[in-house]
């Protein structure tokens, strides 16, 4: 499933970015955007995964009825 499944580490990274004295404001903004994109991708991937599971559970009885599984 998702490579960023556990979002707690991303939240810790976000906190570190906010508190950073090394990064410029622009670098912080860009980095936060990347993390936000990862979080959105993870949510979308999770939704797709759940939809495929639901679809598969609906198709499985039909395949069994046809003798294919």
PDB file of N, CA and C in Angstrom:
ATOM      1  N   UNK A   1       0.830  -1.171   0.000  1.00  0.00           N
ATOM      2  CA  UNK A   1       0.000   0.000   0.000  1.00  0.00           C
ATOM      3  C   UNK A   1       0.874   1.233   0.000  1.00  0.00           C
ATOM      4  N   UNK A   2       0.684   2.117   0.917  1.00  0.00           N
ATOM      5  CA  UNK A   2       1.333   3.417   0.864  1.00  0.00           C
ATOM      6  C   UNK A   2       2.738   3.396   1.457  1.00  0.00           C
ATOM      7  N   UNK A   3       3.623   4.145   0.826  1.00  0.00           N
ATOM      8  CA  UNK A   3       4.983   4.235   1.350  1.00  0.00           C
ATOM      9  C   UNK A   3       5.045   5.172   2.544  1.00  0.00           C
ATOM     10  N   UNK A   4       4.033   6.003   2.711  1.00  0.00           N
ATOM     11  CA  UNK A   4       3.980   6.936   3.839  1.00  0.00           C
ATOM     12  C   UNK A   4       2.781   6.604   4.721  1.00  0.00           C
ATOM     13  N   UNK A   5       2.545   5.314   4.896  1.00  0.00           N
ATOM     14  CA  UNK A   5       1.351   4.834   5.578  1.00  0.00           C
ATOM     15  C   UNK A   5       1.234   5.399   6.987  1.00  0.00           C
ATOM     16  N   UNK A   6       2.309   5.445   7.719  1.00  0.00           N
ATOM     17  CA  UNK A   6       2.294   5.972   9.073  1.00  0.00           C
ATOM     18  C   UNK A   6       2.631   7.455   9.011  1.00  0.00           C
ATOM     19  N   UNK A   7       1.637   8.290   9.177  1.00  0.00           N
ATOM     20  CA  UNK A   7       1.832   9.728   8.998  1.00  0.00           C
ATOM     21  C   UNK A   7       2.483  10.412  10.195  1.00  0.00           C
ATOM     22  N   UNK A   8       2.690   9.698  11.298  1.00  0.00           N
ATOM     23  CA  UNK A   8       3.279  10.337  12.459  1.00  0.00           C
ATOM     24  C   UNK A   8       4.708  10.802  12.165  1.00  0.00           C
ATOM     25  N   UNK A   9       5.436  10.032  11.370  1.00  0.00           N
ATOM     26  CA  UNK A   9       6.803  10.467  11.049  1.00  0.00           C
ATOM     27  C   UNK A   9       6.781  11.719  10.165  1.00  0.00           C
ATOM     28  N   UNK A  10       5.786  11.837   9.304  1.00  0.00           N
ATOM     29  CA  UNK A  10       5.678  13.044   8.487  1.00  0.00           C
ATOM     30  C   UNK A  10       5.326  14.254   9.343  1.00  0.00           C
ATOM     31  N   UNK A  11       4.501  14.048  10.350  1.00  0.00           N
ATOM     32  CA  UNK A  11       4.156  15.138  11.263  1.00  0.00           C
ATOM     33  C   UNK A  11       5.390  15.602  12.040  1.00  0.00           C
ATOM     34  N   UNK A  12       6.234  14.660  12.447  1.00  0.00           N
ATOM     35  CA  UNK A  12       7.469  15.013  13.146  1.00  0.00           C
ATOM     36  C   UNK A  12       8.397  15.812  12.229  1.00  0.00           C
ATOM     37  N   UNK A  13       8.457  15.402  10.967  1.00  0.00           N
ATOM     38  CA  UNK A  13       9.285  16.126   9.996  1.00  0.00           C
ATOM     39  C   UNK A  13       8.743  17.535   9.810  1.00  0.00           C
ATOM     40  N   UNK A  14       7.428  17.669   9.716  1.00  0.00           N
ATOM     41  CA  UNK A  14       6.819  18.996   9.564  1.00  0.00           C
ATOM     42  C   UNK A  14       7.176  19.888  10.752  1.00  0.00           C
ATOM     43  N   UNK A  15       7.115  19.340  11.957  1.00  0.00           N
ATOM     44  CA  UNK A  15       7.478  20.112  13.143  1.00  0.00           C
ATOM     45  C   UNK A  15       8.936  20.546  13.075  1.00  0.00           C
ATOM     46  N   UNK A  16       9.799  19.629  12.634  1.00  0.00           N
ATOM     47  CA  UNK A  16      11.220  19.961  12.504  1.00  0.00           C
ATOM     48  C   UNK A  16      11.459  21.055  11.477  1.00  0.00           C
ATOM     49  N   UNK A  17      10.711  21.007  10.400  1.00  0.00           N
ATOM     50  CA  UNK A  17      10.854  22.024   9.349  1.00  0.00           C
ATOM     51  C   UNK A  17      10.433  23.382   9.889  1.00  0.00           C
ATOM     52  N   UNK A  18       9.298  23.410  10.582  1.00  0.00           N
ATOM     53  CA  UNK A  18       8.796  24.671  11.140  1.00  0.00           C
ATOM     54  C   UNK A  18       9.800  25.285  12.106  1.00  0.00           C
ATOM     55  N   UNK A  19      10.461  24.441  12.894  1.00  0.00           N
ATOM     56  CA  UNK A  19      11.392  24.911  13.921  1.00  0.00           C
ATOM     57  C   UNK A  19      12.810  25.136  13.395  1.00  0.00           C
ATOM     58  N   UNK A  20      13.052  24.800  12.142  1.00  0.00           N
ATOM     59  CA  UNK A  20      14.402  24.879  11.581  1.00  0.00           C
ATOM     60  C   UNK A  20      14.907  26.319  11.511  1.00  0.00           C
ATOM     61  N   UNK A  21      16.169  26.458  11.877  1.00  0.00           N
ATOM     62  CA  UNK A  21      16.834  27.757  11.736  1.00  0.00           C
ATOM     63  C   UNK A  21      17.763  27.748  10.529  1.00  0.00           C
ATOM     64  N   UNK A  22      17.914  26.591   9.906  1.00  0.00           N
ATOM     65  CA  UNK A  22      18.811  26.422   8.769  1.00  0.00           C
ATOM     66  C   UNK A  22      18.093  26.717   7.451  1.00  0.00           C
ATOM     67  N   UNK A  23      16.810  26.340   7.365  1.00  0.00           N
ATOM     68  CA  UNK A  23      16.057  26.503   6.121  1.00  0.00           C
ATOM     69  C   UNK A  23      15.496  27.926   6.010  1.00  0.00           C
ATOM     70  N   UNK A  24      15.479  28.425   4.788  1.00  0.00           N
ATOM     71  CA  UNK A  24      14.844  29.718   4.534  1.00  0.00           C
ATOM     72  C   UNK A  24      13.326  29.518   4.543  1.00  0.00           C
ATOM     73  N   UNK A  25      12.592  30.614   4.600  1.00  0.00           N
ATOM     74  CA  UNK A  25      11.133  30.520   4.567  1.00  0.00           C
ATOM     75  C   UNK A  25      10.657  29.866   3.278  1.00  0.00           C
ATOM     76  N   UNK A  26      11.305  30.176   2.174  1.00  0.00           N
ATOM     77  CA  UNK A  26      10.937  29.580   0.889  1.00  0.00           C
ATOM     78  C   UNK A  26      11.173  28.070   0.903  1.00  0.00           C
ATOM     79  N   UNK A  27      12.313  27.652   1.443  1.00  0.00           N
ATOM     80  CA  UNK A  27      12.618  26.216   1.531  1.00  0.00           C
ATOM     81  C   UNK A  27      11.613  25.499   2.433  1.00  0.00           C
ATOM     82  N   UNK A  28      11.242  26.154   3.532  1.00  0.00           N
ATOM     83  CA  UNK A  28      10.244  25.562   4.424  1.00  0.00           C
ATOM     84  C   UNK A  28       8.912  25.385   3.699  1.00  0.00           C
ATOM     85  N   UNK A  29       8.507  26.412   2.968  1.00  0.00           N
ATOM     86  CA  UNK A  29       7.238  26.362   2.235  1.00  0.00           C
ATOM     87  C   UNK A  29       7.247  25.249   1.201  1.00  0.00           C
ATOM     88  N   UNK A  30       8.323  25.160   0.424  1.00  0.00           N
ATOM     89  CA  UNK A  30       8.418  24.123  -0.604  1.00  0.00           C
ATOM     90  C   UNK A  30       8.410  22.724   0.007  1.00  0.00           C
ATOM     91  N   UNK A  31       9.131  22.563   1.086  1.00  0.00           N
ATOM     92  CA  UNK A  31       9.201  21.259   1.744  1.00  0.00           C
ATOM     93  C   UNK A  31       7.843  20.862   2.313  1.00  0.00           C
ATOM     94  N   UNK A  32       7.152  21.817   2.918  1.00  0.00           N
ATOM     95  CA  UNK A  32       5.828  21.539   3.463  1.00  0.00           C
ATOM     96  C   UNK A  32       4.854  21.165   2.345  1.00  0.00           C
ATOM     97  N   UNK A  33       4.979  21.798   1.188  1.00  0.00           N
ATOM     98  CA  UNK A  33       4.128  21.451   0.045  1.00  0.00           C
ATOM     99  C   UNK A  33       4.354  20.011  -0.387  1.00  0.00           C
ATOM    100  N   UNK A  34       5.620  19.593  -0.411  1.00  0.00           N
ATOM    101  CA  UNK A  34       5.931  18.207  -0.787  1.00  0.00           C
ATOM    102  C   UNK A  34       5.296  17.224   0.199  1.00  0.00           C
ATOM    103  N   UNK A  35       5.402  17.510   1.460  1.00  0.00           N
ATOM    104  CA  UNK A  35       4.826  16.623   2.471  1.00  0.00           C
ATOM    105  C   UNK A  35       3.305  16.588   2.326  1.00  0.00           C
ATOM    106  N   UNK A  36       2.696  17.739   2.096  1.00  0.00           N
ATOM    107  CA  UNK A  36       1.243  17.778   1.896  1.00  0.00           C
ATOM    108  C   UNK A  36       0.843  16.950   0.681  1.00  0.00           C
ATOM    109  N   UNK A  37       1.639  17.000  -0.379  1.00  0.00           N
ATOM    110  CA  UNK A  37       1.371  16.190  -1.575  1.00  0.00           C
ATOM    111  C   UNK A  37       1.450  14.707  -1.239  1.00  0.00           C
ATOM    112  N   UNK A  38       2.453  14.317  -0.444  1.00  0.00           N
ATOM    113  CA  UNK A  38       2.581  12.909  -0.044  1.00  0.00           C
ATOM    114  C   UNK A  38       1.343  12.465   0.724  1.00  0.00           C
ATOM    115  N   UNK A  39       0.883  13.320   1.637  1.00  0.00           N
ATOM    116  CA  UNK A  39      -0.294  12.970   2.426  1.00  0.00           C
ATOM    117  C   UNK A  39      -1.525  12.812   1.534  1.00  0.00           C
ATOM    118  N   UNK A  40      -1.695  13.699   0.568  1.00  0.00           N
ATOM    119  CA  UNK A  40      -2.824  13.592  -0.365  1.00  0.00           C
ATOM    120  C   UNK A  40      -2.729  12.322  -1.209  1.00  0.00           C
ATOM    121  N   UNK A  41      -1.525  12.017  -1.676  1.00  0.00           N
ATOM    122  CA  UNK A  41      -1.328  10.795  -2.466  1.00  0.00           C
ATOM    123  C   UNK A  41      -1.660   9.563  -1.638  1.00  0.00           C
ATOM    124  N   UNK A  42      -1.262   9.570  -0.385  1.00  0.00           N
ATOM    125  CA  UNK A  42      -1.537   8.434   0.493  1.00  0.00           C
ATOM    126  C   UNK A  42      -3.026   8.249   0.697  1.00  0.00           C
ATOM    127  N   UNK A  43      -3.749   9.355   0.886  1.00  0.00           N
ATOM    128  CA  UNK A  43      -5.198   9.255   1.058  1.00  0.00           C
ATOM    129  C   UNK A  43      -5.841   8.703  -0.206  1.00  0.00           C
ATOM    130  N   UNK A  44      -5.409   9.206  -1.360  1.00  0.00           N
ATOM    131  CA  UNK A  44      -5.965   8.730  -2.635  1.00  0.00           C
ATOM    132  C   UNK A  44      -5.645   7.260  -2.839  1.00  0.00           C
ATOM    133  N   UNK A  45      -4.433   6.874  -2.523  1.00  0.00           N
ATOM    134  CA  UNK A  45      -4.033   5.473  -2.676  1.00  0.00           C
ATOM    135  C   UNK A  45      -4.855   4.579  -1.758  1.00  0.00           C
ATOM    136  N   UNK A  46      -5.111   5.030  -0.552  1.00  0.00           N
ATOM    137  CA  UNK A  46      -5.926   4.265   0.391  1.00  0.00           C
ATOM    138  C   UNK A  46      -7.355   4.121  -0.098  1.00  0.00           C
ATOM    139  N   UNK A  47      -7.900   5.188  -0.672  1.00  0.00           N
ATOM    140  CA  UNK A  47      -9.256   5.144  -1.217  1.00  0.00           C
ATOM    141  C   UNK A  47      -9.329   4.164  -2.376  1.00  0.00           C
ATOM    142  N   UNK A  48      -8.354   4.234  -3.285  1.00  0.00           N
ATOM    143  CA  UNK A  48      -8.315   3.309  -4.418  1.00  0.00           C
ATOM    144  C   UNK A  48      -8.213   1.870  -3.926  1.00  0.00           C
ATOM    145  N   UNK A  49      -7.357   1.629  -2.971  1.00  0.00           N
ATOM    146  CA  UNK A  49      -7.180   0.293  -2.405  1.00  0.00           C
ATOM    147  C   UNK A  49      -8.510  -0.237  -1.867  1.00  0.00           C
ATOM    148  N   UNK A  50      -9.209   0.581  -1.089  1.00  0.00           N
ATOM    149  CA  UNK A  50     -10.482   0.156  -0.512  1.00  0.00           C
ATOM    150  C   UNK A  50     -11.524  -0.117  -1.587  1.00  0.00           C
ATOM    151  N   UNK A  51     -11.552   0.707  -2.619  1.00  0.00           N
ATOM    152  CA  UNK A  51     -12.500   0.491  -3.715  1.00  0.00           C
ATOM    153  C   UNK A  51     -12.193  -0.815  -4.446  1.00  0.00           C
ATOM    154  N   UNK A  52     -10.918  -1.102  -4.662  1.00  0.00           N
ATOM    155  CA  UNK A  52     -10.540  -2.352  -5.327  1.00  0.00           C
ATOM    156  C   UNK A  52     -10.901  -3.563  -4.476  1.00  0.00           C
ATOM    157  N   UNK A  53     -10.737  -3.462  -3.182  1.00  0.00           N
ATOM    158  CA  UNK A  53     -11.112  -4.556  -2.276  1.00  0.00           C
ATOM    159  C   UNK A  53     -12.617  -4.799  -2.360  1.00  0.00           C
ATOM    160  N   UNK A  54     -13.392  -3.714  -2.345  1.00  0.00           N
ATOM    161  CA  UNK A  54     -14.849  -3.855  -2.450  1.00  0.00           C
ATOM    162  C   UNK A  54     -15.242  -4.472  -3.785  1.00  0.00           C
ATOM    163  N   UNK A  55     -14.596  -4.039  -4.839  1.00  0.00           N
ATOM    164  CA  UNK A  55     -14.878  -4.572  -6.169  1.00  0.00           C
ATOM    165  C   UNK A  55     -14.530  -6.057  -6.228  1.00  0.00           C
ATOM    166  N   UNK A  56     -13.369  -6.409  -5.710  1.00  0.00           N
ATOM    167  CA  UNK A  56     -12.920  -7.806  -5.733  1.00  0.00           C
ATOM    168  C   UNK A  56     -13.872  -8.693  -4.948  1.00  0.00           C
ATOM    169  N   UNK A  57     -14.364  -8.211  -3.818  1.00  0.00           N
ATOM    170  CA  UNK A  57     -15.270  -9.043  -3.022  1.00  0.00           C
ATOM    171  C   UNK A  57     -16.604  -9.236  -3.742  1.00  0.00           C
ATOM    172  N   UNK A  58     -16.973  -8.310  -4.621  1.00  0.00           N
ATOM    173  CA  UNK A  58     -18.189  -8.462  -5.405  1.00  0.00           C
ATOM    174  C   UNK A  58     -18.012  -9.393  -6.591  1.00  0.00           C
ATOM    175  N   UNK A  59     -16.825  -9.425  -7.142  1.00  0.00           N
ATOM    176  CA  UNK A  59     -16.545 -10.240  -8.322  1.00  0.00           C
ATOM    177  C   UNK A  59     -16.258 -11.693  -7.939  1.00  0.00           C
ATOM    178  N   UNK A  60     -15.684 -11.905  -6.786  1.00  0.00           N
ATOM    179  CA  UNK A  60     -15.280 -13.247  -6.373  1.00  0.00           C
ATOM    180  C   UNK A  60     -16.442 -14.245  -6.413  1.00  0.00           C
ATOM    181  N   UNK A  61     -17.629 -13.932  -5.889  1.00  0.00           N
ATOM    182  CA  UNK A  61     -18.741 -14.895  -5.976  1.00  0.00           C
ATOM    183  C   UNK A  61     -19.139 -15.212  -7.421  1.00  0.00           C
ATOM    184  N   UNK A  62     -19.074 -14.216  -8.290  1.00  0.00           N
ATOM    185  CA  UNK A  62     -19.401 -14.461  -9.690  1.00  0.00           C
ATOM    186  C   UNK A  62     -18.398 -15.409 -10.340  1.00  0.00           C
ATOM    187  N   UNK A  63     -17.125 -15.187 -10.046  1.00  0.00           N
ATOM    188  CA  UNK A  63     -16.083 -16.062 -10.587  1.00  0.00           C
ATOM    189  C   UNK A  63     -16.244 -17.491 -10.079  1.00  0.00           C
ATOM    190  N   UNK A  64     -16.609 -17.616  -8.807  1.00  0.00           N
ATOM    191  CA  UNK A  64     -16.830 -18.946  -8.225  1.00  0.00           C
ATOM    192  C   UNK A  64     -18.035 -19.621  -8.891  1.00  0.00           C
ATOM    193  N   UNK A  65     -19.074 -18.850  -9.146  1.00  0.00           N
ATOM    194  CA  UNK A  65     -20.266 -19.384  -9.801  1.00  0.00           C
ATOM    195  C   UNK A  65     -19.952 -19.897 -11.207  1.00  0.00           C
ATOM    196  N   UNK A  66     -19.040 -19.213 -11.871  1.00  0.00           N
ATOM    197  CA  UNK A  66     -18.636 -19.621 -13.213  1.00  0.00           C
ATOM    198  C   UNK A  66     -17.622 -20.763 -13.207  1.00  0.00           C
ATOM    199  N   UNK A  67     -17.163 -21.117 -11.994  1.00  0.00           N
ATOM    200  CA  UNK A  67     -16.202 -22.203 -11.867  1.00  0.00           C
ATOM    201  C   UNK A  67     -14.784 -21.776 -12.186  1.00  0.00           C
ATOM    202  N   UNK A  68     -14.544 -20.468 -12.159  1.00  0.00           N
ATOM    203  CA  UNK A  68     -13.206 -19.973 -12.502  1.00  0.00           C
ATOM    204  C   UNK A  68     -12.276 -19.943 -11.296  1.00  0.00           C
ATOM    205  N   UNK A  69     -12.829 -19.989 -10.103  1.00  0.00           N
ATOM    206  CA  UNK A  69     -11.979 -20.053  -8.901  1.00  0.00           C
ATOM    207  C   UNK A  69     -12.511 -21.101  -7.950  1.00  0.00           C
TER     208      UNK A  69
END
